[in-house]
Amino acid sequence: MTTLNWETEAVCRILDANLDRAREGIRIIEEWCRFALNNGHFVQVCKQIRQTLAQWHSNDIRQARNTEQDEGTTLTHPLEEQRENCQQLLQINFSRTQEALRVLEEYGKVYDPRLGKTCKQLRYQLYILETDLLGSSPQHKLQSAQLYLVTTPSENLFSIVEGALKGGVSVVQYRNKQADDSQQIAEAQALCELCHRYGALFLMNDRADLAVAVNADGVHLGQQDLPITVARQILGPNKIIGRSTSNPLELDSAIAEGANYVGVGPIYQTPTKPGKSPAGMEYIDYAIKHSPIPWFAIGGINSENIATVVEAGAPRVAVVRAIMEARDPQKATQSLLSPFQNHV
């Protein structure tokens, strides 16, 4: 590199700091892939990026380090002191690593064009990993979901659910309180495989233990079910836990306990919640203003009133009879989704 000594030293300091930053960021992502996801492919991609960067972290670059005179070591921001969840942590470290690779790409052109070219290729690999890892995560799918089906016992259970999946349902909760454990496991395993074939989430009602047994994406809990902290111990950090709520106090409590999403309702009178007074549109308004986590309006919602619920601001809706009792579950699902497409 034919430049002035002071410029050479400055470039090496920049490369040193960003090689450290990129390797640290990718290691944080790698640990999640290894210990939470148990995904060998993702681990291997992270390790390959990290080891490639390590080969460029040469002695002349390291020797330019001058931590004592680095003005950046004392700079911080309150948002850096906390993370809301692991999803946010991963997103932040993907961004951090991508920024570092961009710096390495540009200053690498001055130091050694091969470094610039290498870091450009690594940056694109990281973009692909980010899409594959975060885009396929249960939390990401939950965030983008619009329609959620809660099943009821039926002789045509599997054909109904498959019709709903073909129509565009994003989440399916298996609910059969009358069945014994062996029946629930058999039906839930088949439904879980079916949902995953269509790229949808599959949740168990009430039973965190059965959710583990069938490799469900998570569990939905009622107000009288397990505490969320106990369910989390059973399920682990990467599964979804939802909670039914019928008033602001229950919603606030579910958020504080660490729920990944909440049901907000019943919006209308429904036979699935006998004796439960409708929460109405006022509760939707409260959820819009106070829920930082995904929420689904639920309770008596059907093709005739779903447009009203969506226009009131509900970004997601859960239904039972509107699909389970429909003559054509696929068409019923498409009809239920149409207000979301029309609402801007």
Protein backbone atom coordinates (compact mmCIF):
# COMPACT_ATOMS: atom_id res chain seq x y z
CA MET A 1 0.00 0.00 0.00
CA THR A 2 1.79 3.14 -1.22
CA THR A 3 0.47 5.89 1.07
CA LEU A 4 1.80 8.15 3.80
CA ASN A 5 2.69 6.42 7.05
CA TRP A 6 0.01 8.25 9.04
CA GLU A 7 -2.61 7.32 6.49
CA THR A 8 -1.45 3.71 6.46
CA GLU A 9 -1.72 3.59 10.25
CA ALA A 10 -5.21 5.11 10.18
CA VAL A 11 -6.42 2.59 7.59
CA CYS A 12 -4.99 -0.28 9.64
CA ARG A 13 -6.73 1.00 12.76
CA ILE A 14 -10.02 1.16 10.86
CA LEU A 15 -9.53 -2.36 9.54
CA ASP A 16 -8.60 -3.68 12.99
CA ALA A 17 -11.68 -2.18 14.66
CA ASN A 18 -14.05 -3.45 11.99
CA LEU A 19 -12.52 -6.91 11.76
CA ASP A 20 -13.09 -7.20 15.51
CA ARG A 21 -16.64 -5.81 15.17
CA ALA A 22 -17.57 -8.15 12.32
CA ARG A 23 -16.11 -11.24 13.99
CA GLU A 24 -17.83 -10.46 17.29
CA GLY A 25 -21.18 -9.86 15.59
CA ILE A 26 -21.07 -13.05 13.54
CA ARG A 27 -20.06 -15.05 16.62
CA ILE A 28 -23.16 -13.83 18.46
CA ILE A 29 -25.30 -15.01 15.54
CA GLU A 30 -23.40 -18.30 15.35
CA GLU A 31 -24.07 -19.09 19.01
CA TRP A 32 -27.82 -18.72 18.49
CA CYS A 33 -27.71 -20.96 15.43
CA ARG A 34 -25.78 -23.57 17.43
CA PHE A 35 -27.47 -23.62 20.81
CA ALA A 36 -31.02 -22.37 20.11
CA LEU A 37 -31.71 -23.50 16.55
CA ASN A 38 -29.42 -26.56 16.41
CA ASN A 39 -28.92 -25.70 12.74
CA GLY A 40 -25.63 -27.11 11.49
CA HIS A 41 -25.85 -25.36 8.11
CA PHE A 42 -26.28 -21.91 9.65
CA VAL A 43 -23.43 -22.63 12.09
CA GLN A 44 -21.14 -23.62 9.23
CA VAL A 45 -21.93 -20.45 7.27
CA CYS A 46 -21.16 -18.29 10.32
CA LYS A 47 -17.94 -20.16 11.04
CA GLN A 48 -16.76 -19.84 7.43
CA ILE A 49 -17.34 -16.04 7.48
CA ARG A 50 -15.61 -15.71 10.84
CA GLN A 51 -12.59 -17.79 9.82
CA THR A 52 -12.19 -15.92 6.53
CA LEU A 53 -12.08 -12.63 8.42
CA ALA A 54 -9.58 -14.05 10.91
CA GLN A 55 -7.17 -14.85 8.06
CA TRP A 56 -7.08 -11.15 7.14
CA HIS A 57 -6.54 -10.00 10.73
CA SER A 58 -2.77 -9.84 10.30
CA ASN A 59 -0.10 -8.64 12.73
CA ASP A 60 0.45 -5.29 10.96
CA ILE A 61 -3.26 -4.53 11.27
CA ARG A 62 -3.37 -5.57 14.93
CA GLN A 63 -0.25 -3.56 15.78
CA ALA A 64 -1.92 -0.36 14.60
CA ARG A 65 -4.47 -0.66 17.41
CA ASN A 66 -4.47 2.28 19.82
CA THR A 67 -7.32 1.79 22.26
CA GLU A 68 -6.14 4.51 24.66
CA GLN A 69 -6.56 7.21 22.02
CA ASP A 70 -9.72 5.82 20.44
CA GLU A 71 -12.47 8.42 20.99
CA GLY A 72 -15.15 5.85 20.17
CA THR A 73 -14.60 3.71 23.27
CA THR A 74 -16.38 6.22 25.52
CA LEU A 75 -19.36 6.76 23.22
CA THR A 76 -22.56 4.84 23.96
CA HIS A 77 -26.34 5.07 23.69
CA PRO A 78 -29.05 4.00 26.17
CA LEU A 79 -30.55 1.63 23.58
CA GLU A 80 -27.28 -0.31 23.56
CA GLU A 81 -27.79 -1.26 27.20
CA GLN A 82 -30.86 -3.46 26.67
CA ARG A 83 -32.42 -5.91 24.23
CA GLU A 84 -36.15 -6.65 24.19
CA ASN A 85 -35.75 -10.22 22.91
CA CYS A 86 -33.43 -12.54 21.01
CA GLN A 87 -35.03 -11.64 17.68
CA GLN A 88 -34.04 -8.01 18.17
CA LEU A 89 -30.58 -9.04 19.37
CA LEU A 90 -30.00 -11.06 16.18
CA GLN A 91 -31.29 -8.26 13.94
CA ILE A 92 -28.98 -5.74 15.60
CA ASN A 93 -25.96 -8.00 15.20
CA PHE A 94 -26.74 -8.73 11.56
CA SER A 95 -26.84 -4.97 10.94
CA ARG A 96 -23.69 -4.41 12.98
CA THR A 97 -21.77 -7.08 11.05
CA GLN A 98 -23.02 -5.86 7.66
CA GLU A 99 -21.93 -2.31 8.45
CA ALA A 100 -18.49 -3.53 9.50
CA LEU A 101 -18.13 -5.58 6.31
CA ARG A 102 -19.01 -2.53 4.22
CA VAL A 103 -16.29 -0.52 5.98
CA LEU A 104 -13.82 -3.37 5.44
CA GLU A 105 -14.81 -3.56 1.78
CA GLU A 106 -14.11 0.14 1.15
CA TYR A 107 -10.91 0.56 3.19
CA GLY A 108 -9.80 -2.89 2.07
CA LYS A 109 -9.56 -1.49 -1.46
CA VAL A 110 -6.84 0.83 -0.18
CA TYR A 111 -5.05 -1.76 1.94
CA ASP A 112 -5.36 -4.74 -0.42
CA PRO A 113 -7.99 -4.99 -3.19
CA ARG A 114 -8.36 -8.70 -2.40
CA LEU A 115 -9.67 -7.80 1.07
CA GLY A 116 -12.23 -5.45 -0.45
CA LYS A 117 -13.42 -8.14 -2.84
CA THR A 118 -13.57 -10.77 -0.09
CA CYS A 119 -15.63 -8.58 2.24
CA LYS A 120 -18.07 -7.72 -0.54
CA GLN A 121 -18.69 -11.44 -1.08
CA LEU A 122 -19.04 -12.05 2.67
CA ARG A 123 -21.57 -9.23 2.95
CA TYR A 124 -23.80 -10.84 0.34
CA GLN A 125 -23.47 -14.20 2.12
CA LEU A 126 -24.61 -12.50 5.30
CA TYR A 127 -27.65 -10.98 3.57
CA ILE A 128 -28.69 -14.47 2.46
CA LEU A 129 -28.14 -15.88 5.96
CA GLU A 130 -30.20 -13.06 7.49
CA THR A 131 -33.11 -13.77 5.13
CA ASP A 132 -32.93 -17.52 5.72
CA LEU A 133 -32.56 -17.28 9.50
CA LEU A 134 -34.90 -14.43 10.40
CA GLY A 135 -37.35 -14.94 7.55
CA SER A 136 -37.99 -18.54 8.56
CA SER A 137 -38.16 -17.91 12.30
CA PRO A 138 -41.49 -18.47 14.09
CA GLN A 139 -41.42 -14.89 15.40
CA HIS A 140 -41.02 -13.45 11.91
CA LYS A 141 -43.89 -15.57 10.58
CA LEU A 142 -46.03 -14.53 13.54
CA GLN A 143 -45.35 -10.85 12.87
CA SER A 144 -46.44 -11.13 9.24
CA ALA A 145 -49.49 -13.36 9.90
CA GLN A 146 -52.98 -12.02 9.21
CA LEU A 147 -55.35 -14.96 9.69
CA TYR A 148 -55.21 -17.53 12.49
CA LEU A 149 -57.38 -20.66 12.67
CA VAL A 150 -58.36 -22.31 15.96
CA THR A 151 -59.61 -25.84 15.27
CA THR A 152 -62.53 -27.69 16.81
CA PRO A 153 -63.06 -31.48 16.79
CA SER A 154 -64.25 -32.64 13.38
CA GLU A 155 -64.35 -35.80 11.29
CA ASN A 156 -62.99 -33.69 8.43
CA LEU A 157 -60.31 -31.98 10.52
CA PHE A 158 -57.40 -32.53 8.13
CA SER A 159 -59.24 -31.62 4.94
CA ILE A 160 -60.62 -28.47 6.59
CA VAL A 161 -57.19 -27.37 7.80
CA GLU A 162 -55.57 -28.10 4.45
CA GLY A 163 -58.26 -26.09 2.69
CA ALA A 164 -57.60 -23.20 5.07
CA LEU A 165 -53.85 -23.44 4.44
CA LYS A 166 -54.42 -23.41 0.69
CA GLY A 167 -56.58 -20.33 1.20
CA GLY A 168 -53.84 -18.48 3.06
CA VAL A 169 -54.14 -19.16 6.79
CA SER A 170 -50.80 -18.37 8.48
CA VAL A 171 -51.29 -19.89 11.94
CA VAL A 172 -53.20 -22.98 13.08
CA GLN A 173 -53.94 -23.80 16.72
CA TYR A 174 -54.99 -27.36 17.47
CA ARG A 175 -57.70 -27.39 20.15
CA ASN A 176 -59.41 -30.55 21.35
CA LYS A 177 -59.95 -30.51 25.09
CA GLN A 178 -62.03 -33.70 25.08
CA ALA A 179 -59.39 -35.94 23.44
CA ASP A 180 -56.93 -38.01 25.47
CA ASP A 181 -53.20 -37.41 25.12
CA SER A 182 -52.58 -40.18 22.60
CA GLN A 183 -55.26 -38.84 20.26
CA GLN A 184 -54.02 -35.28 20.65
CA ILE A 185 -50.44 -36.31 19.87
CA ALA A 186 -51.46 -38.31 16.79
CA GLU A 187 -53.65 -35.53 15.37
CA ALA A 188 -51.25 -32.77 16.31
CA GLN A 189 -48.25 -34.48 14.70
CA ALA A 190 -50.14 -34.85 11.43
CA LEU A 191 -51.38 -31.25 11.56
CA CYS A 192 -47.92 -29.93 12.42
CA GLU A 193 -46.41 -31.63 9.38
CA LEU A 194 -49.25 -30.33 7.23
CA CYS A 195 -48.83 -26.74 8.43
CA HIS A 196 -45.06 -26.79 7.93
CA ARG A 197 -45.56 -28.15 4.42
CA TYR A 198 -47.50 -24.95 3.66
CA GLY A 199 -45.10 -22.69 5.56
CA ALA A 200 -47.60 -21.96 8.34
CA LEU A 201 -47.13 -21.96 12.11
CA PHE A 202 -48.61 -24.74 14.23
CA LEU A 203 -49.51 -24.22 17.90
CA MET A 204 -50.94 -26.47 20.59
CA ASN A 205 -53.75 -25.30 22.82
CA ASP A 206 -52.92 -25.30 26.56
CA ARG A 207 -50.37 -28.12 26.59
CA ALA A 208 -46.71 -27.06 26.48
CA ASP A 209 -45.63 -30.66 27.06
CA LEU A 210 -47.53 -31.91 24.01
CA ALA A 211 -46.17 -28.99 21.99
CA VAL A 212 -42.68 -30.32 22.67
CA ALA A 213 -43.75 -33.88 21.87
CA VAL A 214 -45.01 -32.98 18.38
CA ASN A 215 -42.39 -30.28 17.62
CA ALA A 216 -45.03 -27.56 17.43
CA ASP A 217 -43.96 -23.95 16.94
CA GLY A 218 -45.41 -23.09 20.32
CA VAL A 219 -48.42 -23.09 22.59
CA HIS A 220 -51.47 -20.96 23.27
CA LEU A 221 -52.41 -20.50 26.91
CA GLY A 222 -55.66 -19.41 28.51
CA GLN A 223 -55.84 -17.27 31.63
CA GLN A 224 -56.09 -20.36 33.85
CA ASP A 225 -53.26 -22.29 32.19
CA LEU A 226 -49.54 -22.47 32.94
CA PRO A 227 -47.65 -19.29 33.83
CA ILE A 228 -45.71 -18.10 30.80
CA THR A 229 -42.39 -18.46 32.66
CA VAL A 230 -43.10 -22.16 33.26
CA ALA A 231 -44.15 -22.72 29.65
CA ARG A 232 -40.93 -21.02 28.53
CA GLN A 233 -38.86 -23.42 30.63
CA ILE A 234 -40.60 -26.34 28.94
CA LEU A 235 -40.49 -24.98 25.39
CA GLY A 236 -37.14 -23.18 25.30
CA PRO A 237 -36.29 -19.71 23.98
CA ASN A 238 -37.23 -20.06 20.31
CA LYS A 239 -40.86 -21.20 20.58
CA ILE A 240 -43.97 -19.04 20.52
CA ILE A 241 -46.17 -18.55 23.57
CA GLY A 242 -49.55 -16.86 23.20
CA ARG A 243 -52.05 -15.85 25.85
CA SER A 244 -55.79 -15.20 25.71
CA THR A 245 -56.81 -11.81 27.11
CA SER A 246 -60.22 -10.17 27.51
CA ASN A 247 -59.38 -6.83 29.09
CA PRO A 248 -56.52 -4.31 29.37
CA LEU A 249 -55.28 -5.68 32.69
CA GLU A 250 -54.88 -9.19 31.25
CA LEU A 251 -53.18 -7.82 28.14
CA ASP A 252 -50.69 -5.76 30.14
CA SER A 253 -49.97 -8.76 32.36
CA ALA A 254 -49.34 -11.08 29.39
CA ILE A 255 -46.89 -8.58 27.89
CA ALA A 256 -45.07 -8.23 31.21
CA GLU A 257 -44.85 -12.03 31.56
CA GLY A 258 -43.15 -12.34 28.17
CA ALA A 259 -45.90 -13.54 25.82
CA ASN A 260 -44.97 -13.51 22.12
CA TYR A 261 -48.52 -12.60 21.14
CA VAL A 262 -51.97 -12.18 22.67
CA GLY A 263 -55.54 -12.88 21.67
CA VAL A 264 -57.74 -9.80 22.06
CA GLY A 265 -61.42 -10.57 22.60
CA PRO A 266 -64.04 -11.77 22.42
CA ILE A 267 -64.87 -8.93 20.07
CA TYR A 268 -68.38 -10.29 19.49
CA GLN A 269 -70.51 -12.79 21.40
CA THR A 270 -69.34 -16.34 20.67
CA PRO A 271 -70.42 -19.84 21.80
CA THR A 272 -66.77 -20.81 22.26
CA LYS A 273 -66.69 -18.42 25.25
CA PRO A 274 -70.07 -18.97 26.95
CA GLY A 275 -70.93 -16.37 29.55
CA LYS A 276 -68.14 -14.06 28.38
CA SER A 277 -69.31 -10.54 27.60
CA PRO A 278 -67.92 -9.12 24.35
CA ALA A 279 -64.95 -6.82 24.79
CA GLY A 280 -65.96 -4.86 21.71
CA MET A 281 -64.12 -2.35 19.56
CA GLU A 282 -62.91 -0.43 22.60
CA TYR A 283 -60.56 -3.29 23.39
CA ILE A 284 -59.18 -3.22 19.84
CA ASP A 285 -58.44 0.47 20.31
CA TYR A 286 -56.61 -0.28 23.57
CA ALA A 287 -54.50 -3.00 21.91
CA ILE A 288 -53.57 -0.67 19.05
CA LYS A 289 -52.28 1.91 21.50
CA HIS A 290 -50.67 -0.32 24.13
CA SER A 291 -49.49 -3.65 22.69
CA PRO A 292 -45.87 -3.75 21.43
CA ILE A 293 -46.26 -7.46 20.55
CA PRO A 294 -48.42 -9.05 17.82
CA TRP A 295 -52.10 -9.46 18.71
CA PHE A 296 -55.10 -11.14 17.10
CA ALA A 297 -58.67 -9.94 17.40
CA ILE A 298 -60.83 -12.99 18.15
CA GLY A 299 -64.37 -13.91 19.11
CA GLY A 300 -67.41 -14.20 16.85
CA ILE A 301 -65.55 -12.84 13.82
CA ASN A 302 -66.84 -14.06 10.46
CA SER A 303 -67.04 -13.04 6.79
CA GLU A 304 -69.87 -10.60 7.54
CA ASN A 305 -68.10 -8.56 10.23
CA ILE A 306 -64.38 -9.03 9.63
CA ALA A 307 -64.18 -5.91 7.45
CA THR A 308 -65.44 -3.85 10.40
CA VAL A 309 -62.78 -5.38 12.67
CA VAL A 310 -59.99 -4.70 10.14
CA GLU A 311 -61.20 -1.14 9.53
CA ALA A 312 -61.14 -0.62 13.31
CA GLY A 313 -57.39 -1.26 13.15
CA ALA A 314 -56.93 -4.96 13.88
CA PRO A 315 -53.83 -6.11 11.94
CA ARG A 316 -54.54 -9.81 12.58
CA VAL A 317 -57.67 -11.87 13.20
CA ALA A 318 -58.30 -15.34 14.63
CA VAL A 319 -61.39 -17.36 13.76
CA VAL A 320 -62.98 -20.70 14.65
CA ARG A 321 -66.42 -21.41 13.16
CA ALA A 322 -65.95 -19.12 10.17
CA ILE A 323 -63.61 -21.74 8.71
CA MET A 324 -64.30 -24.94 10.67
CA GLU A 325 -68.01 -24.85 9.75
CA ALA A 326 -67.60 -23.50 6.21
CA ARG A 327 -68.77 -25.56 3.23
CA ASP A 328 -65.57 -24.64 1.39
CA PRO A 329 -62.76 -23.84 3.86
CA GLN A 330 -60.41 -22.60 1.13
CA LYS A 331 -62.89 -20.10 -0.28
CA ALA A 332 -63.98 -19.08 3.22
CA THR A 333 -60.36 -18.35 4.10
CA GLN A 334 -59.82 -16.30 0.95
CA SER A 335 -62.99 -14.34 1.72
CA LEU A 336 -61.78 -13.63 5.27
CA LEU A 337 -58.42 -12.38 3.97
CA SER A 338 -59.89 -10.02 1.37
CA PRO A 339 -60.53 -7.12 3.82
CA PHE A 340 -56.81 -7.06 4.64
CA GLN A 341 -55.97 -6.70 0.96
CA ASN A 342 -58.52 -3.92 0.52
CA HIS A 343 -57.52 -2.06 3.71
CA VAL A 344 -54.56 0.31 3.26
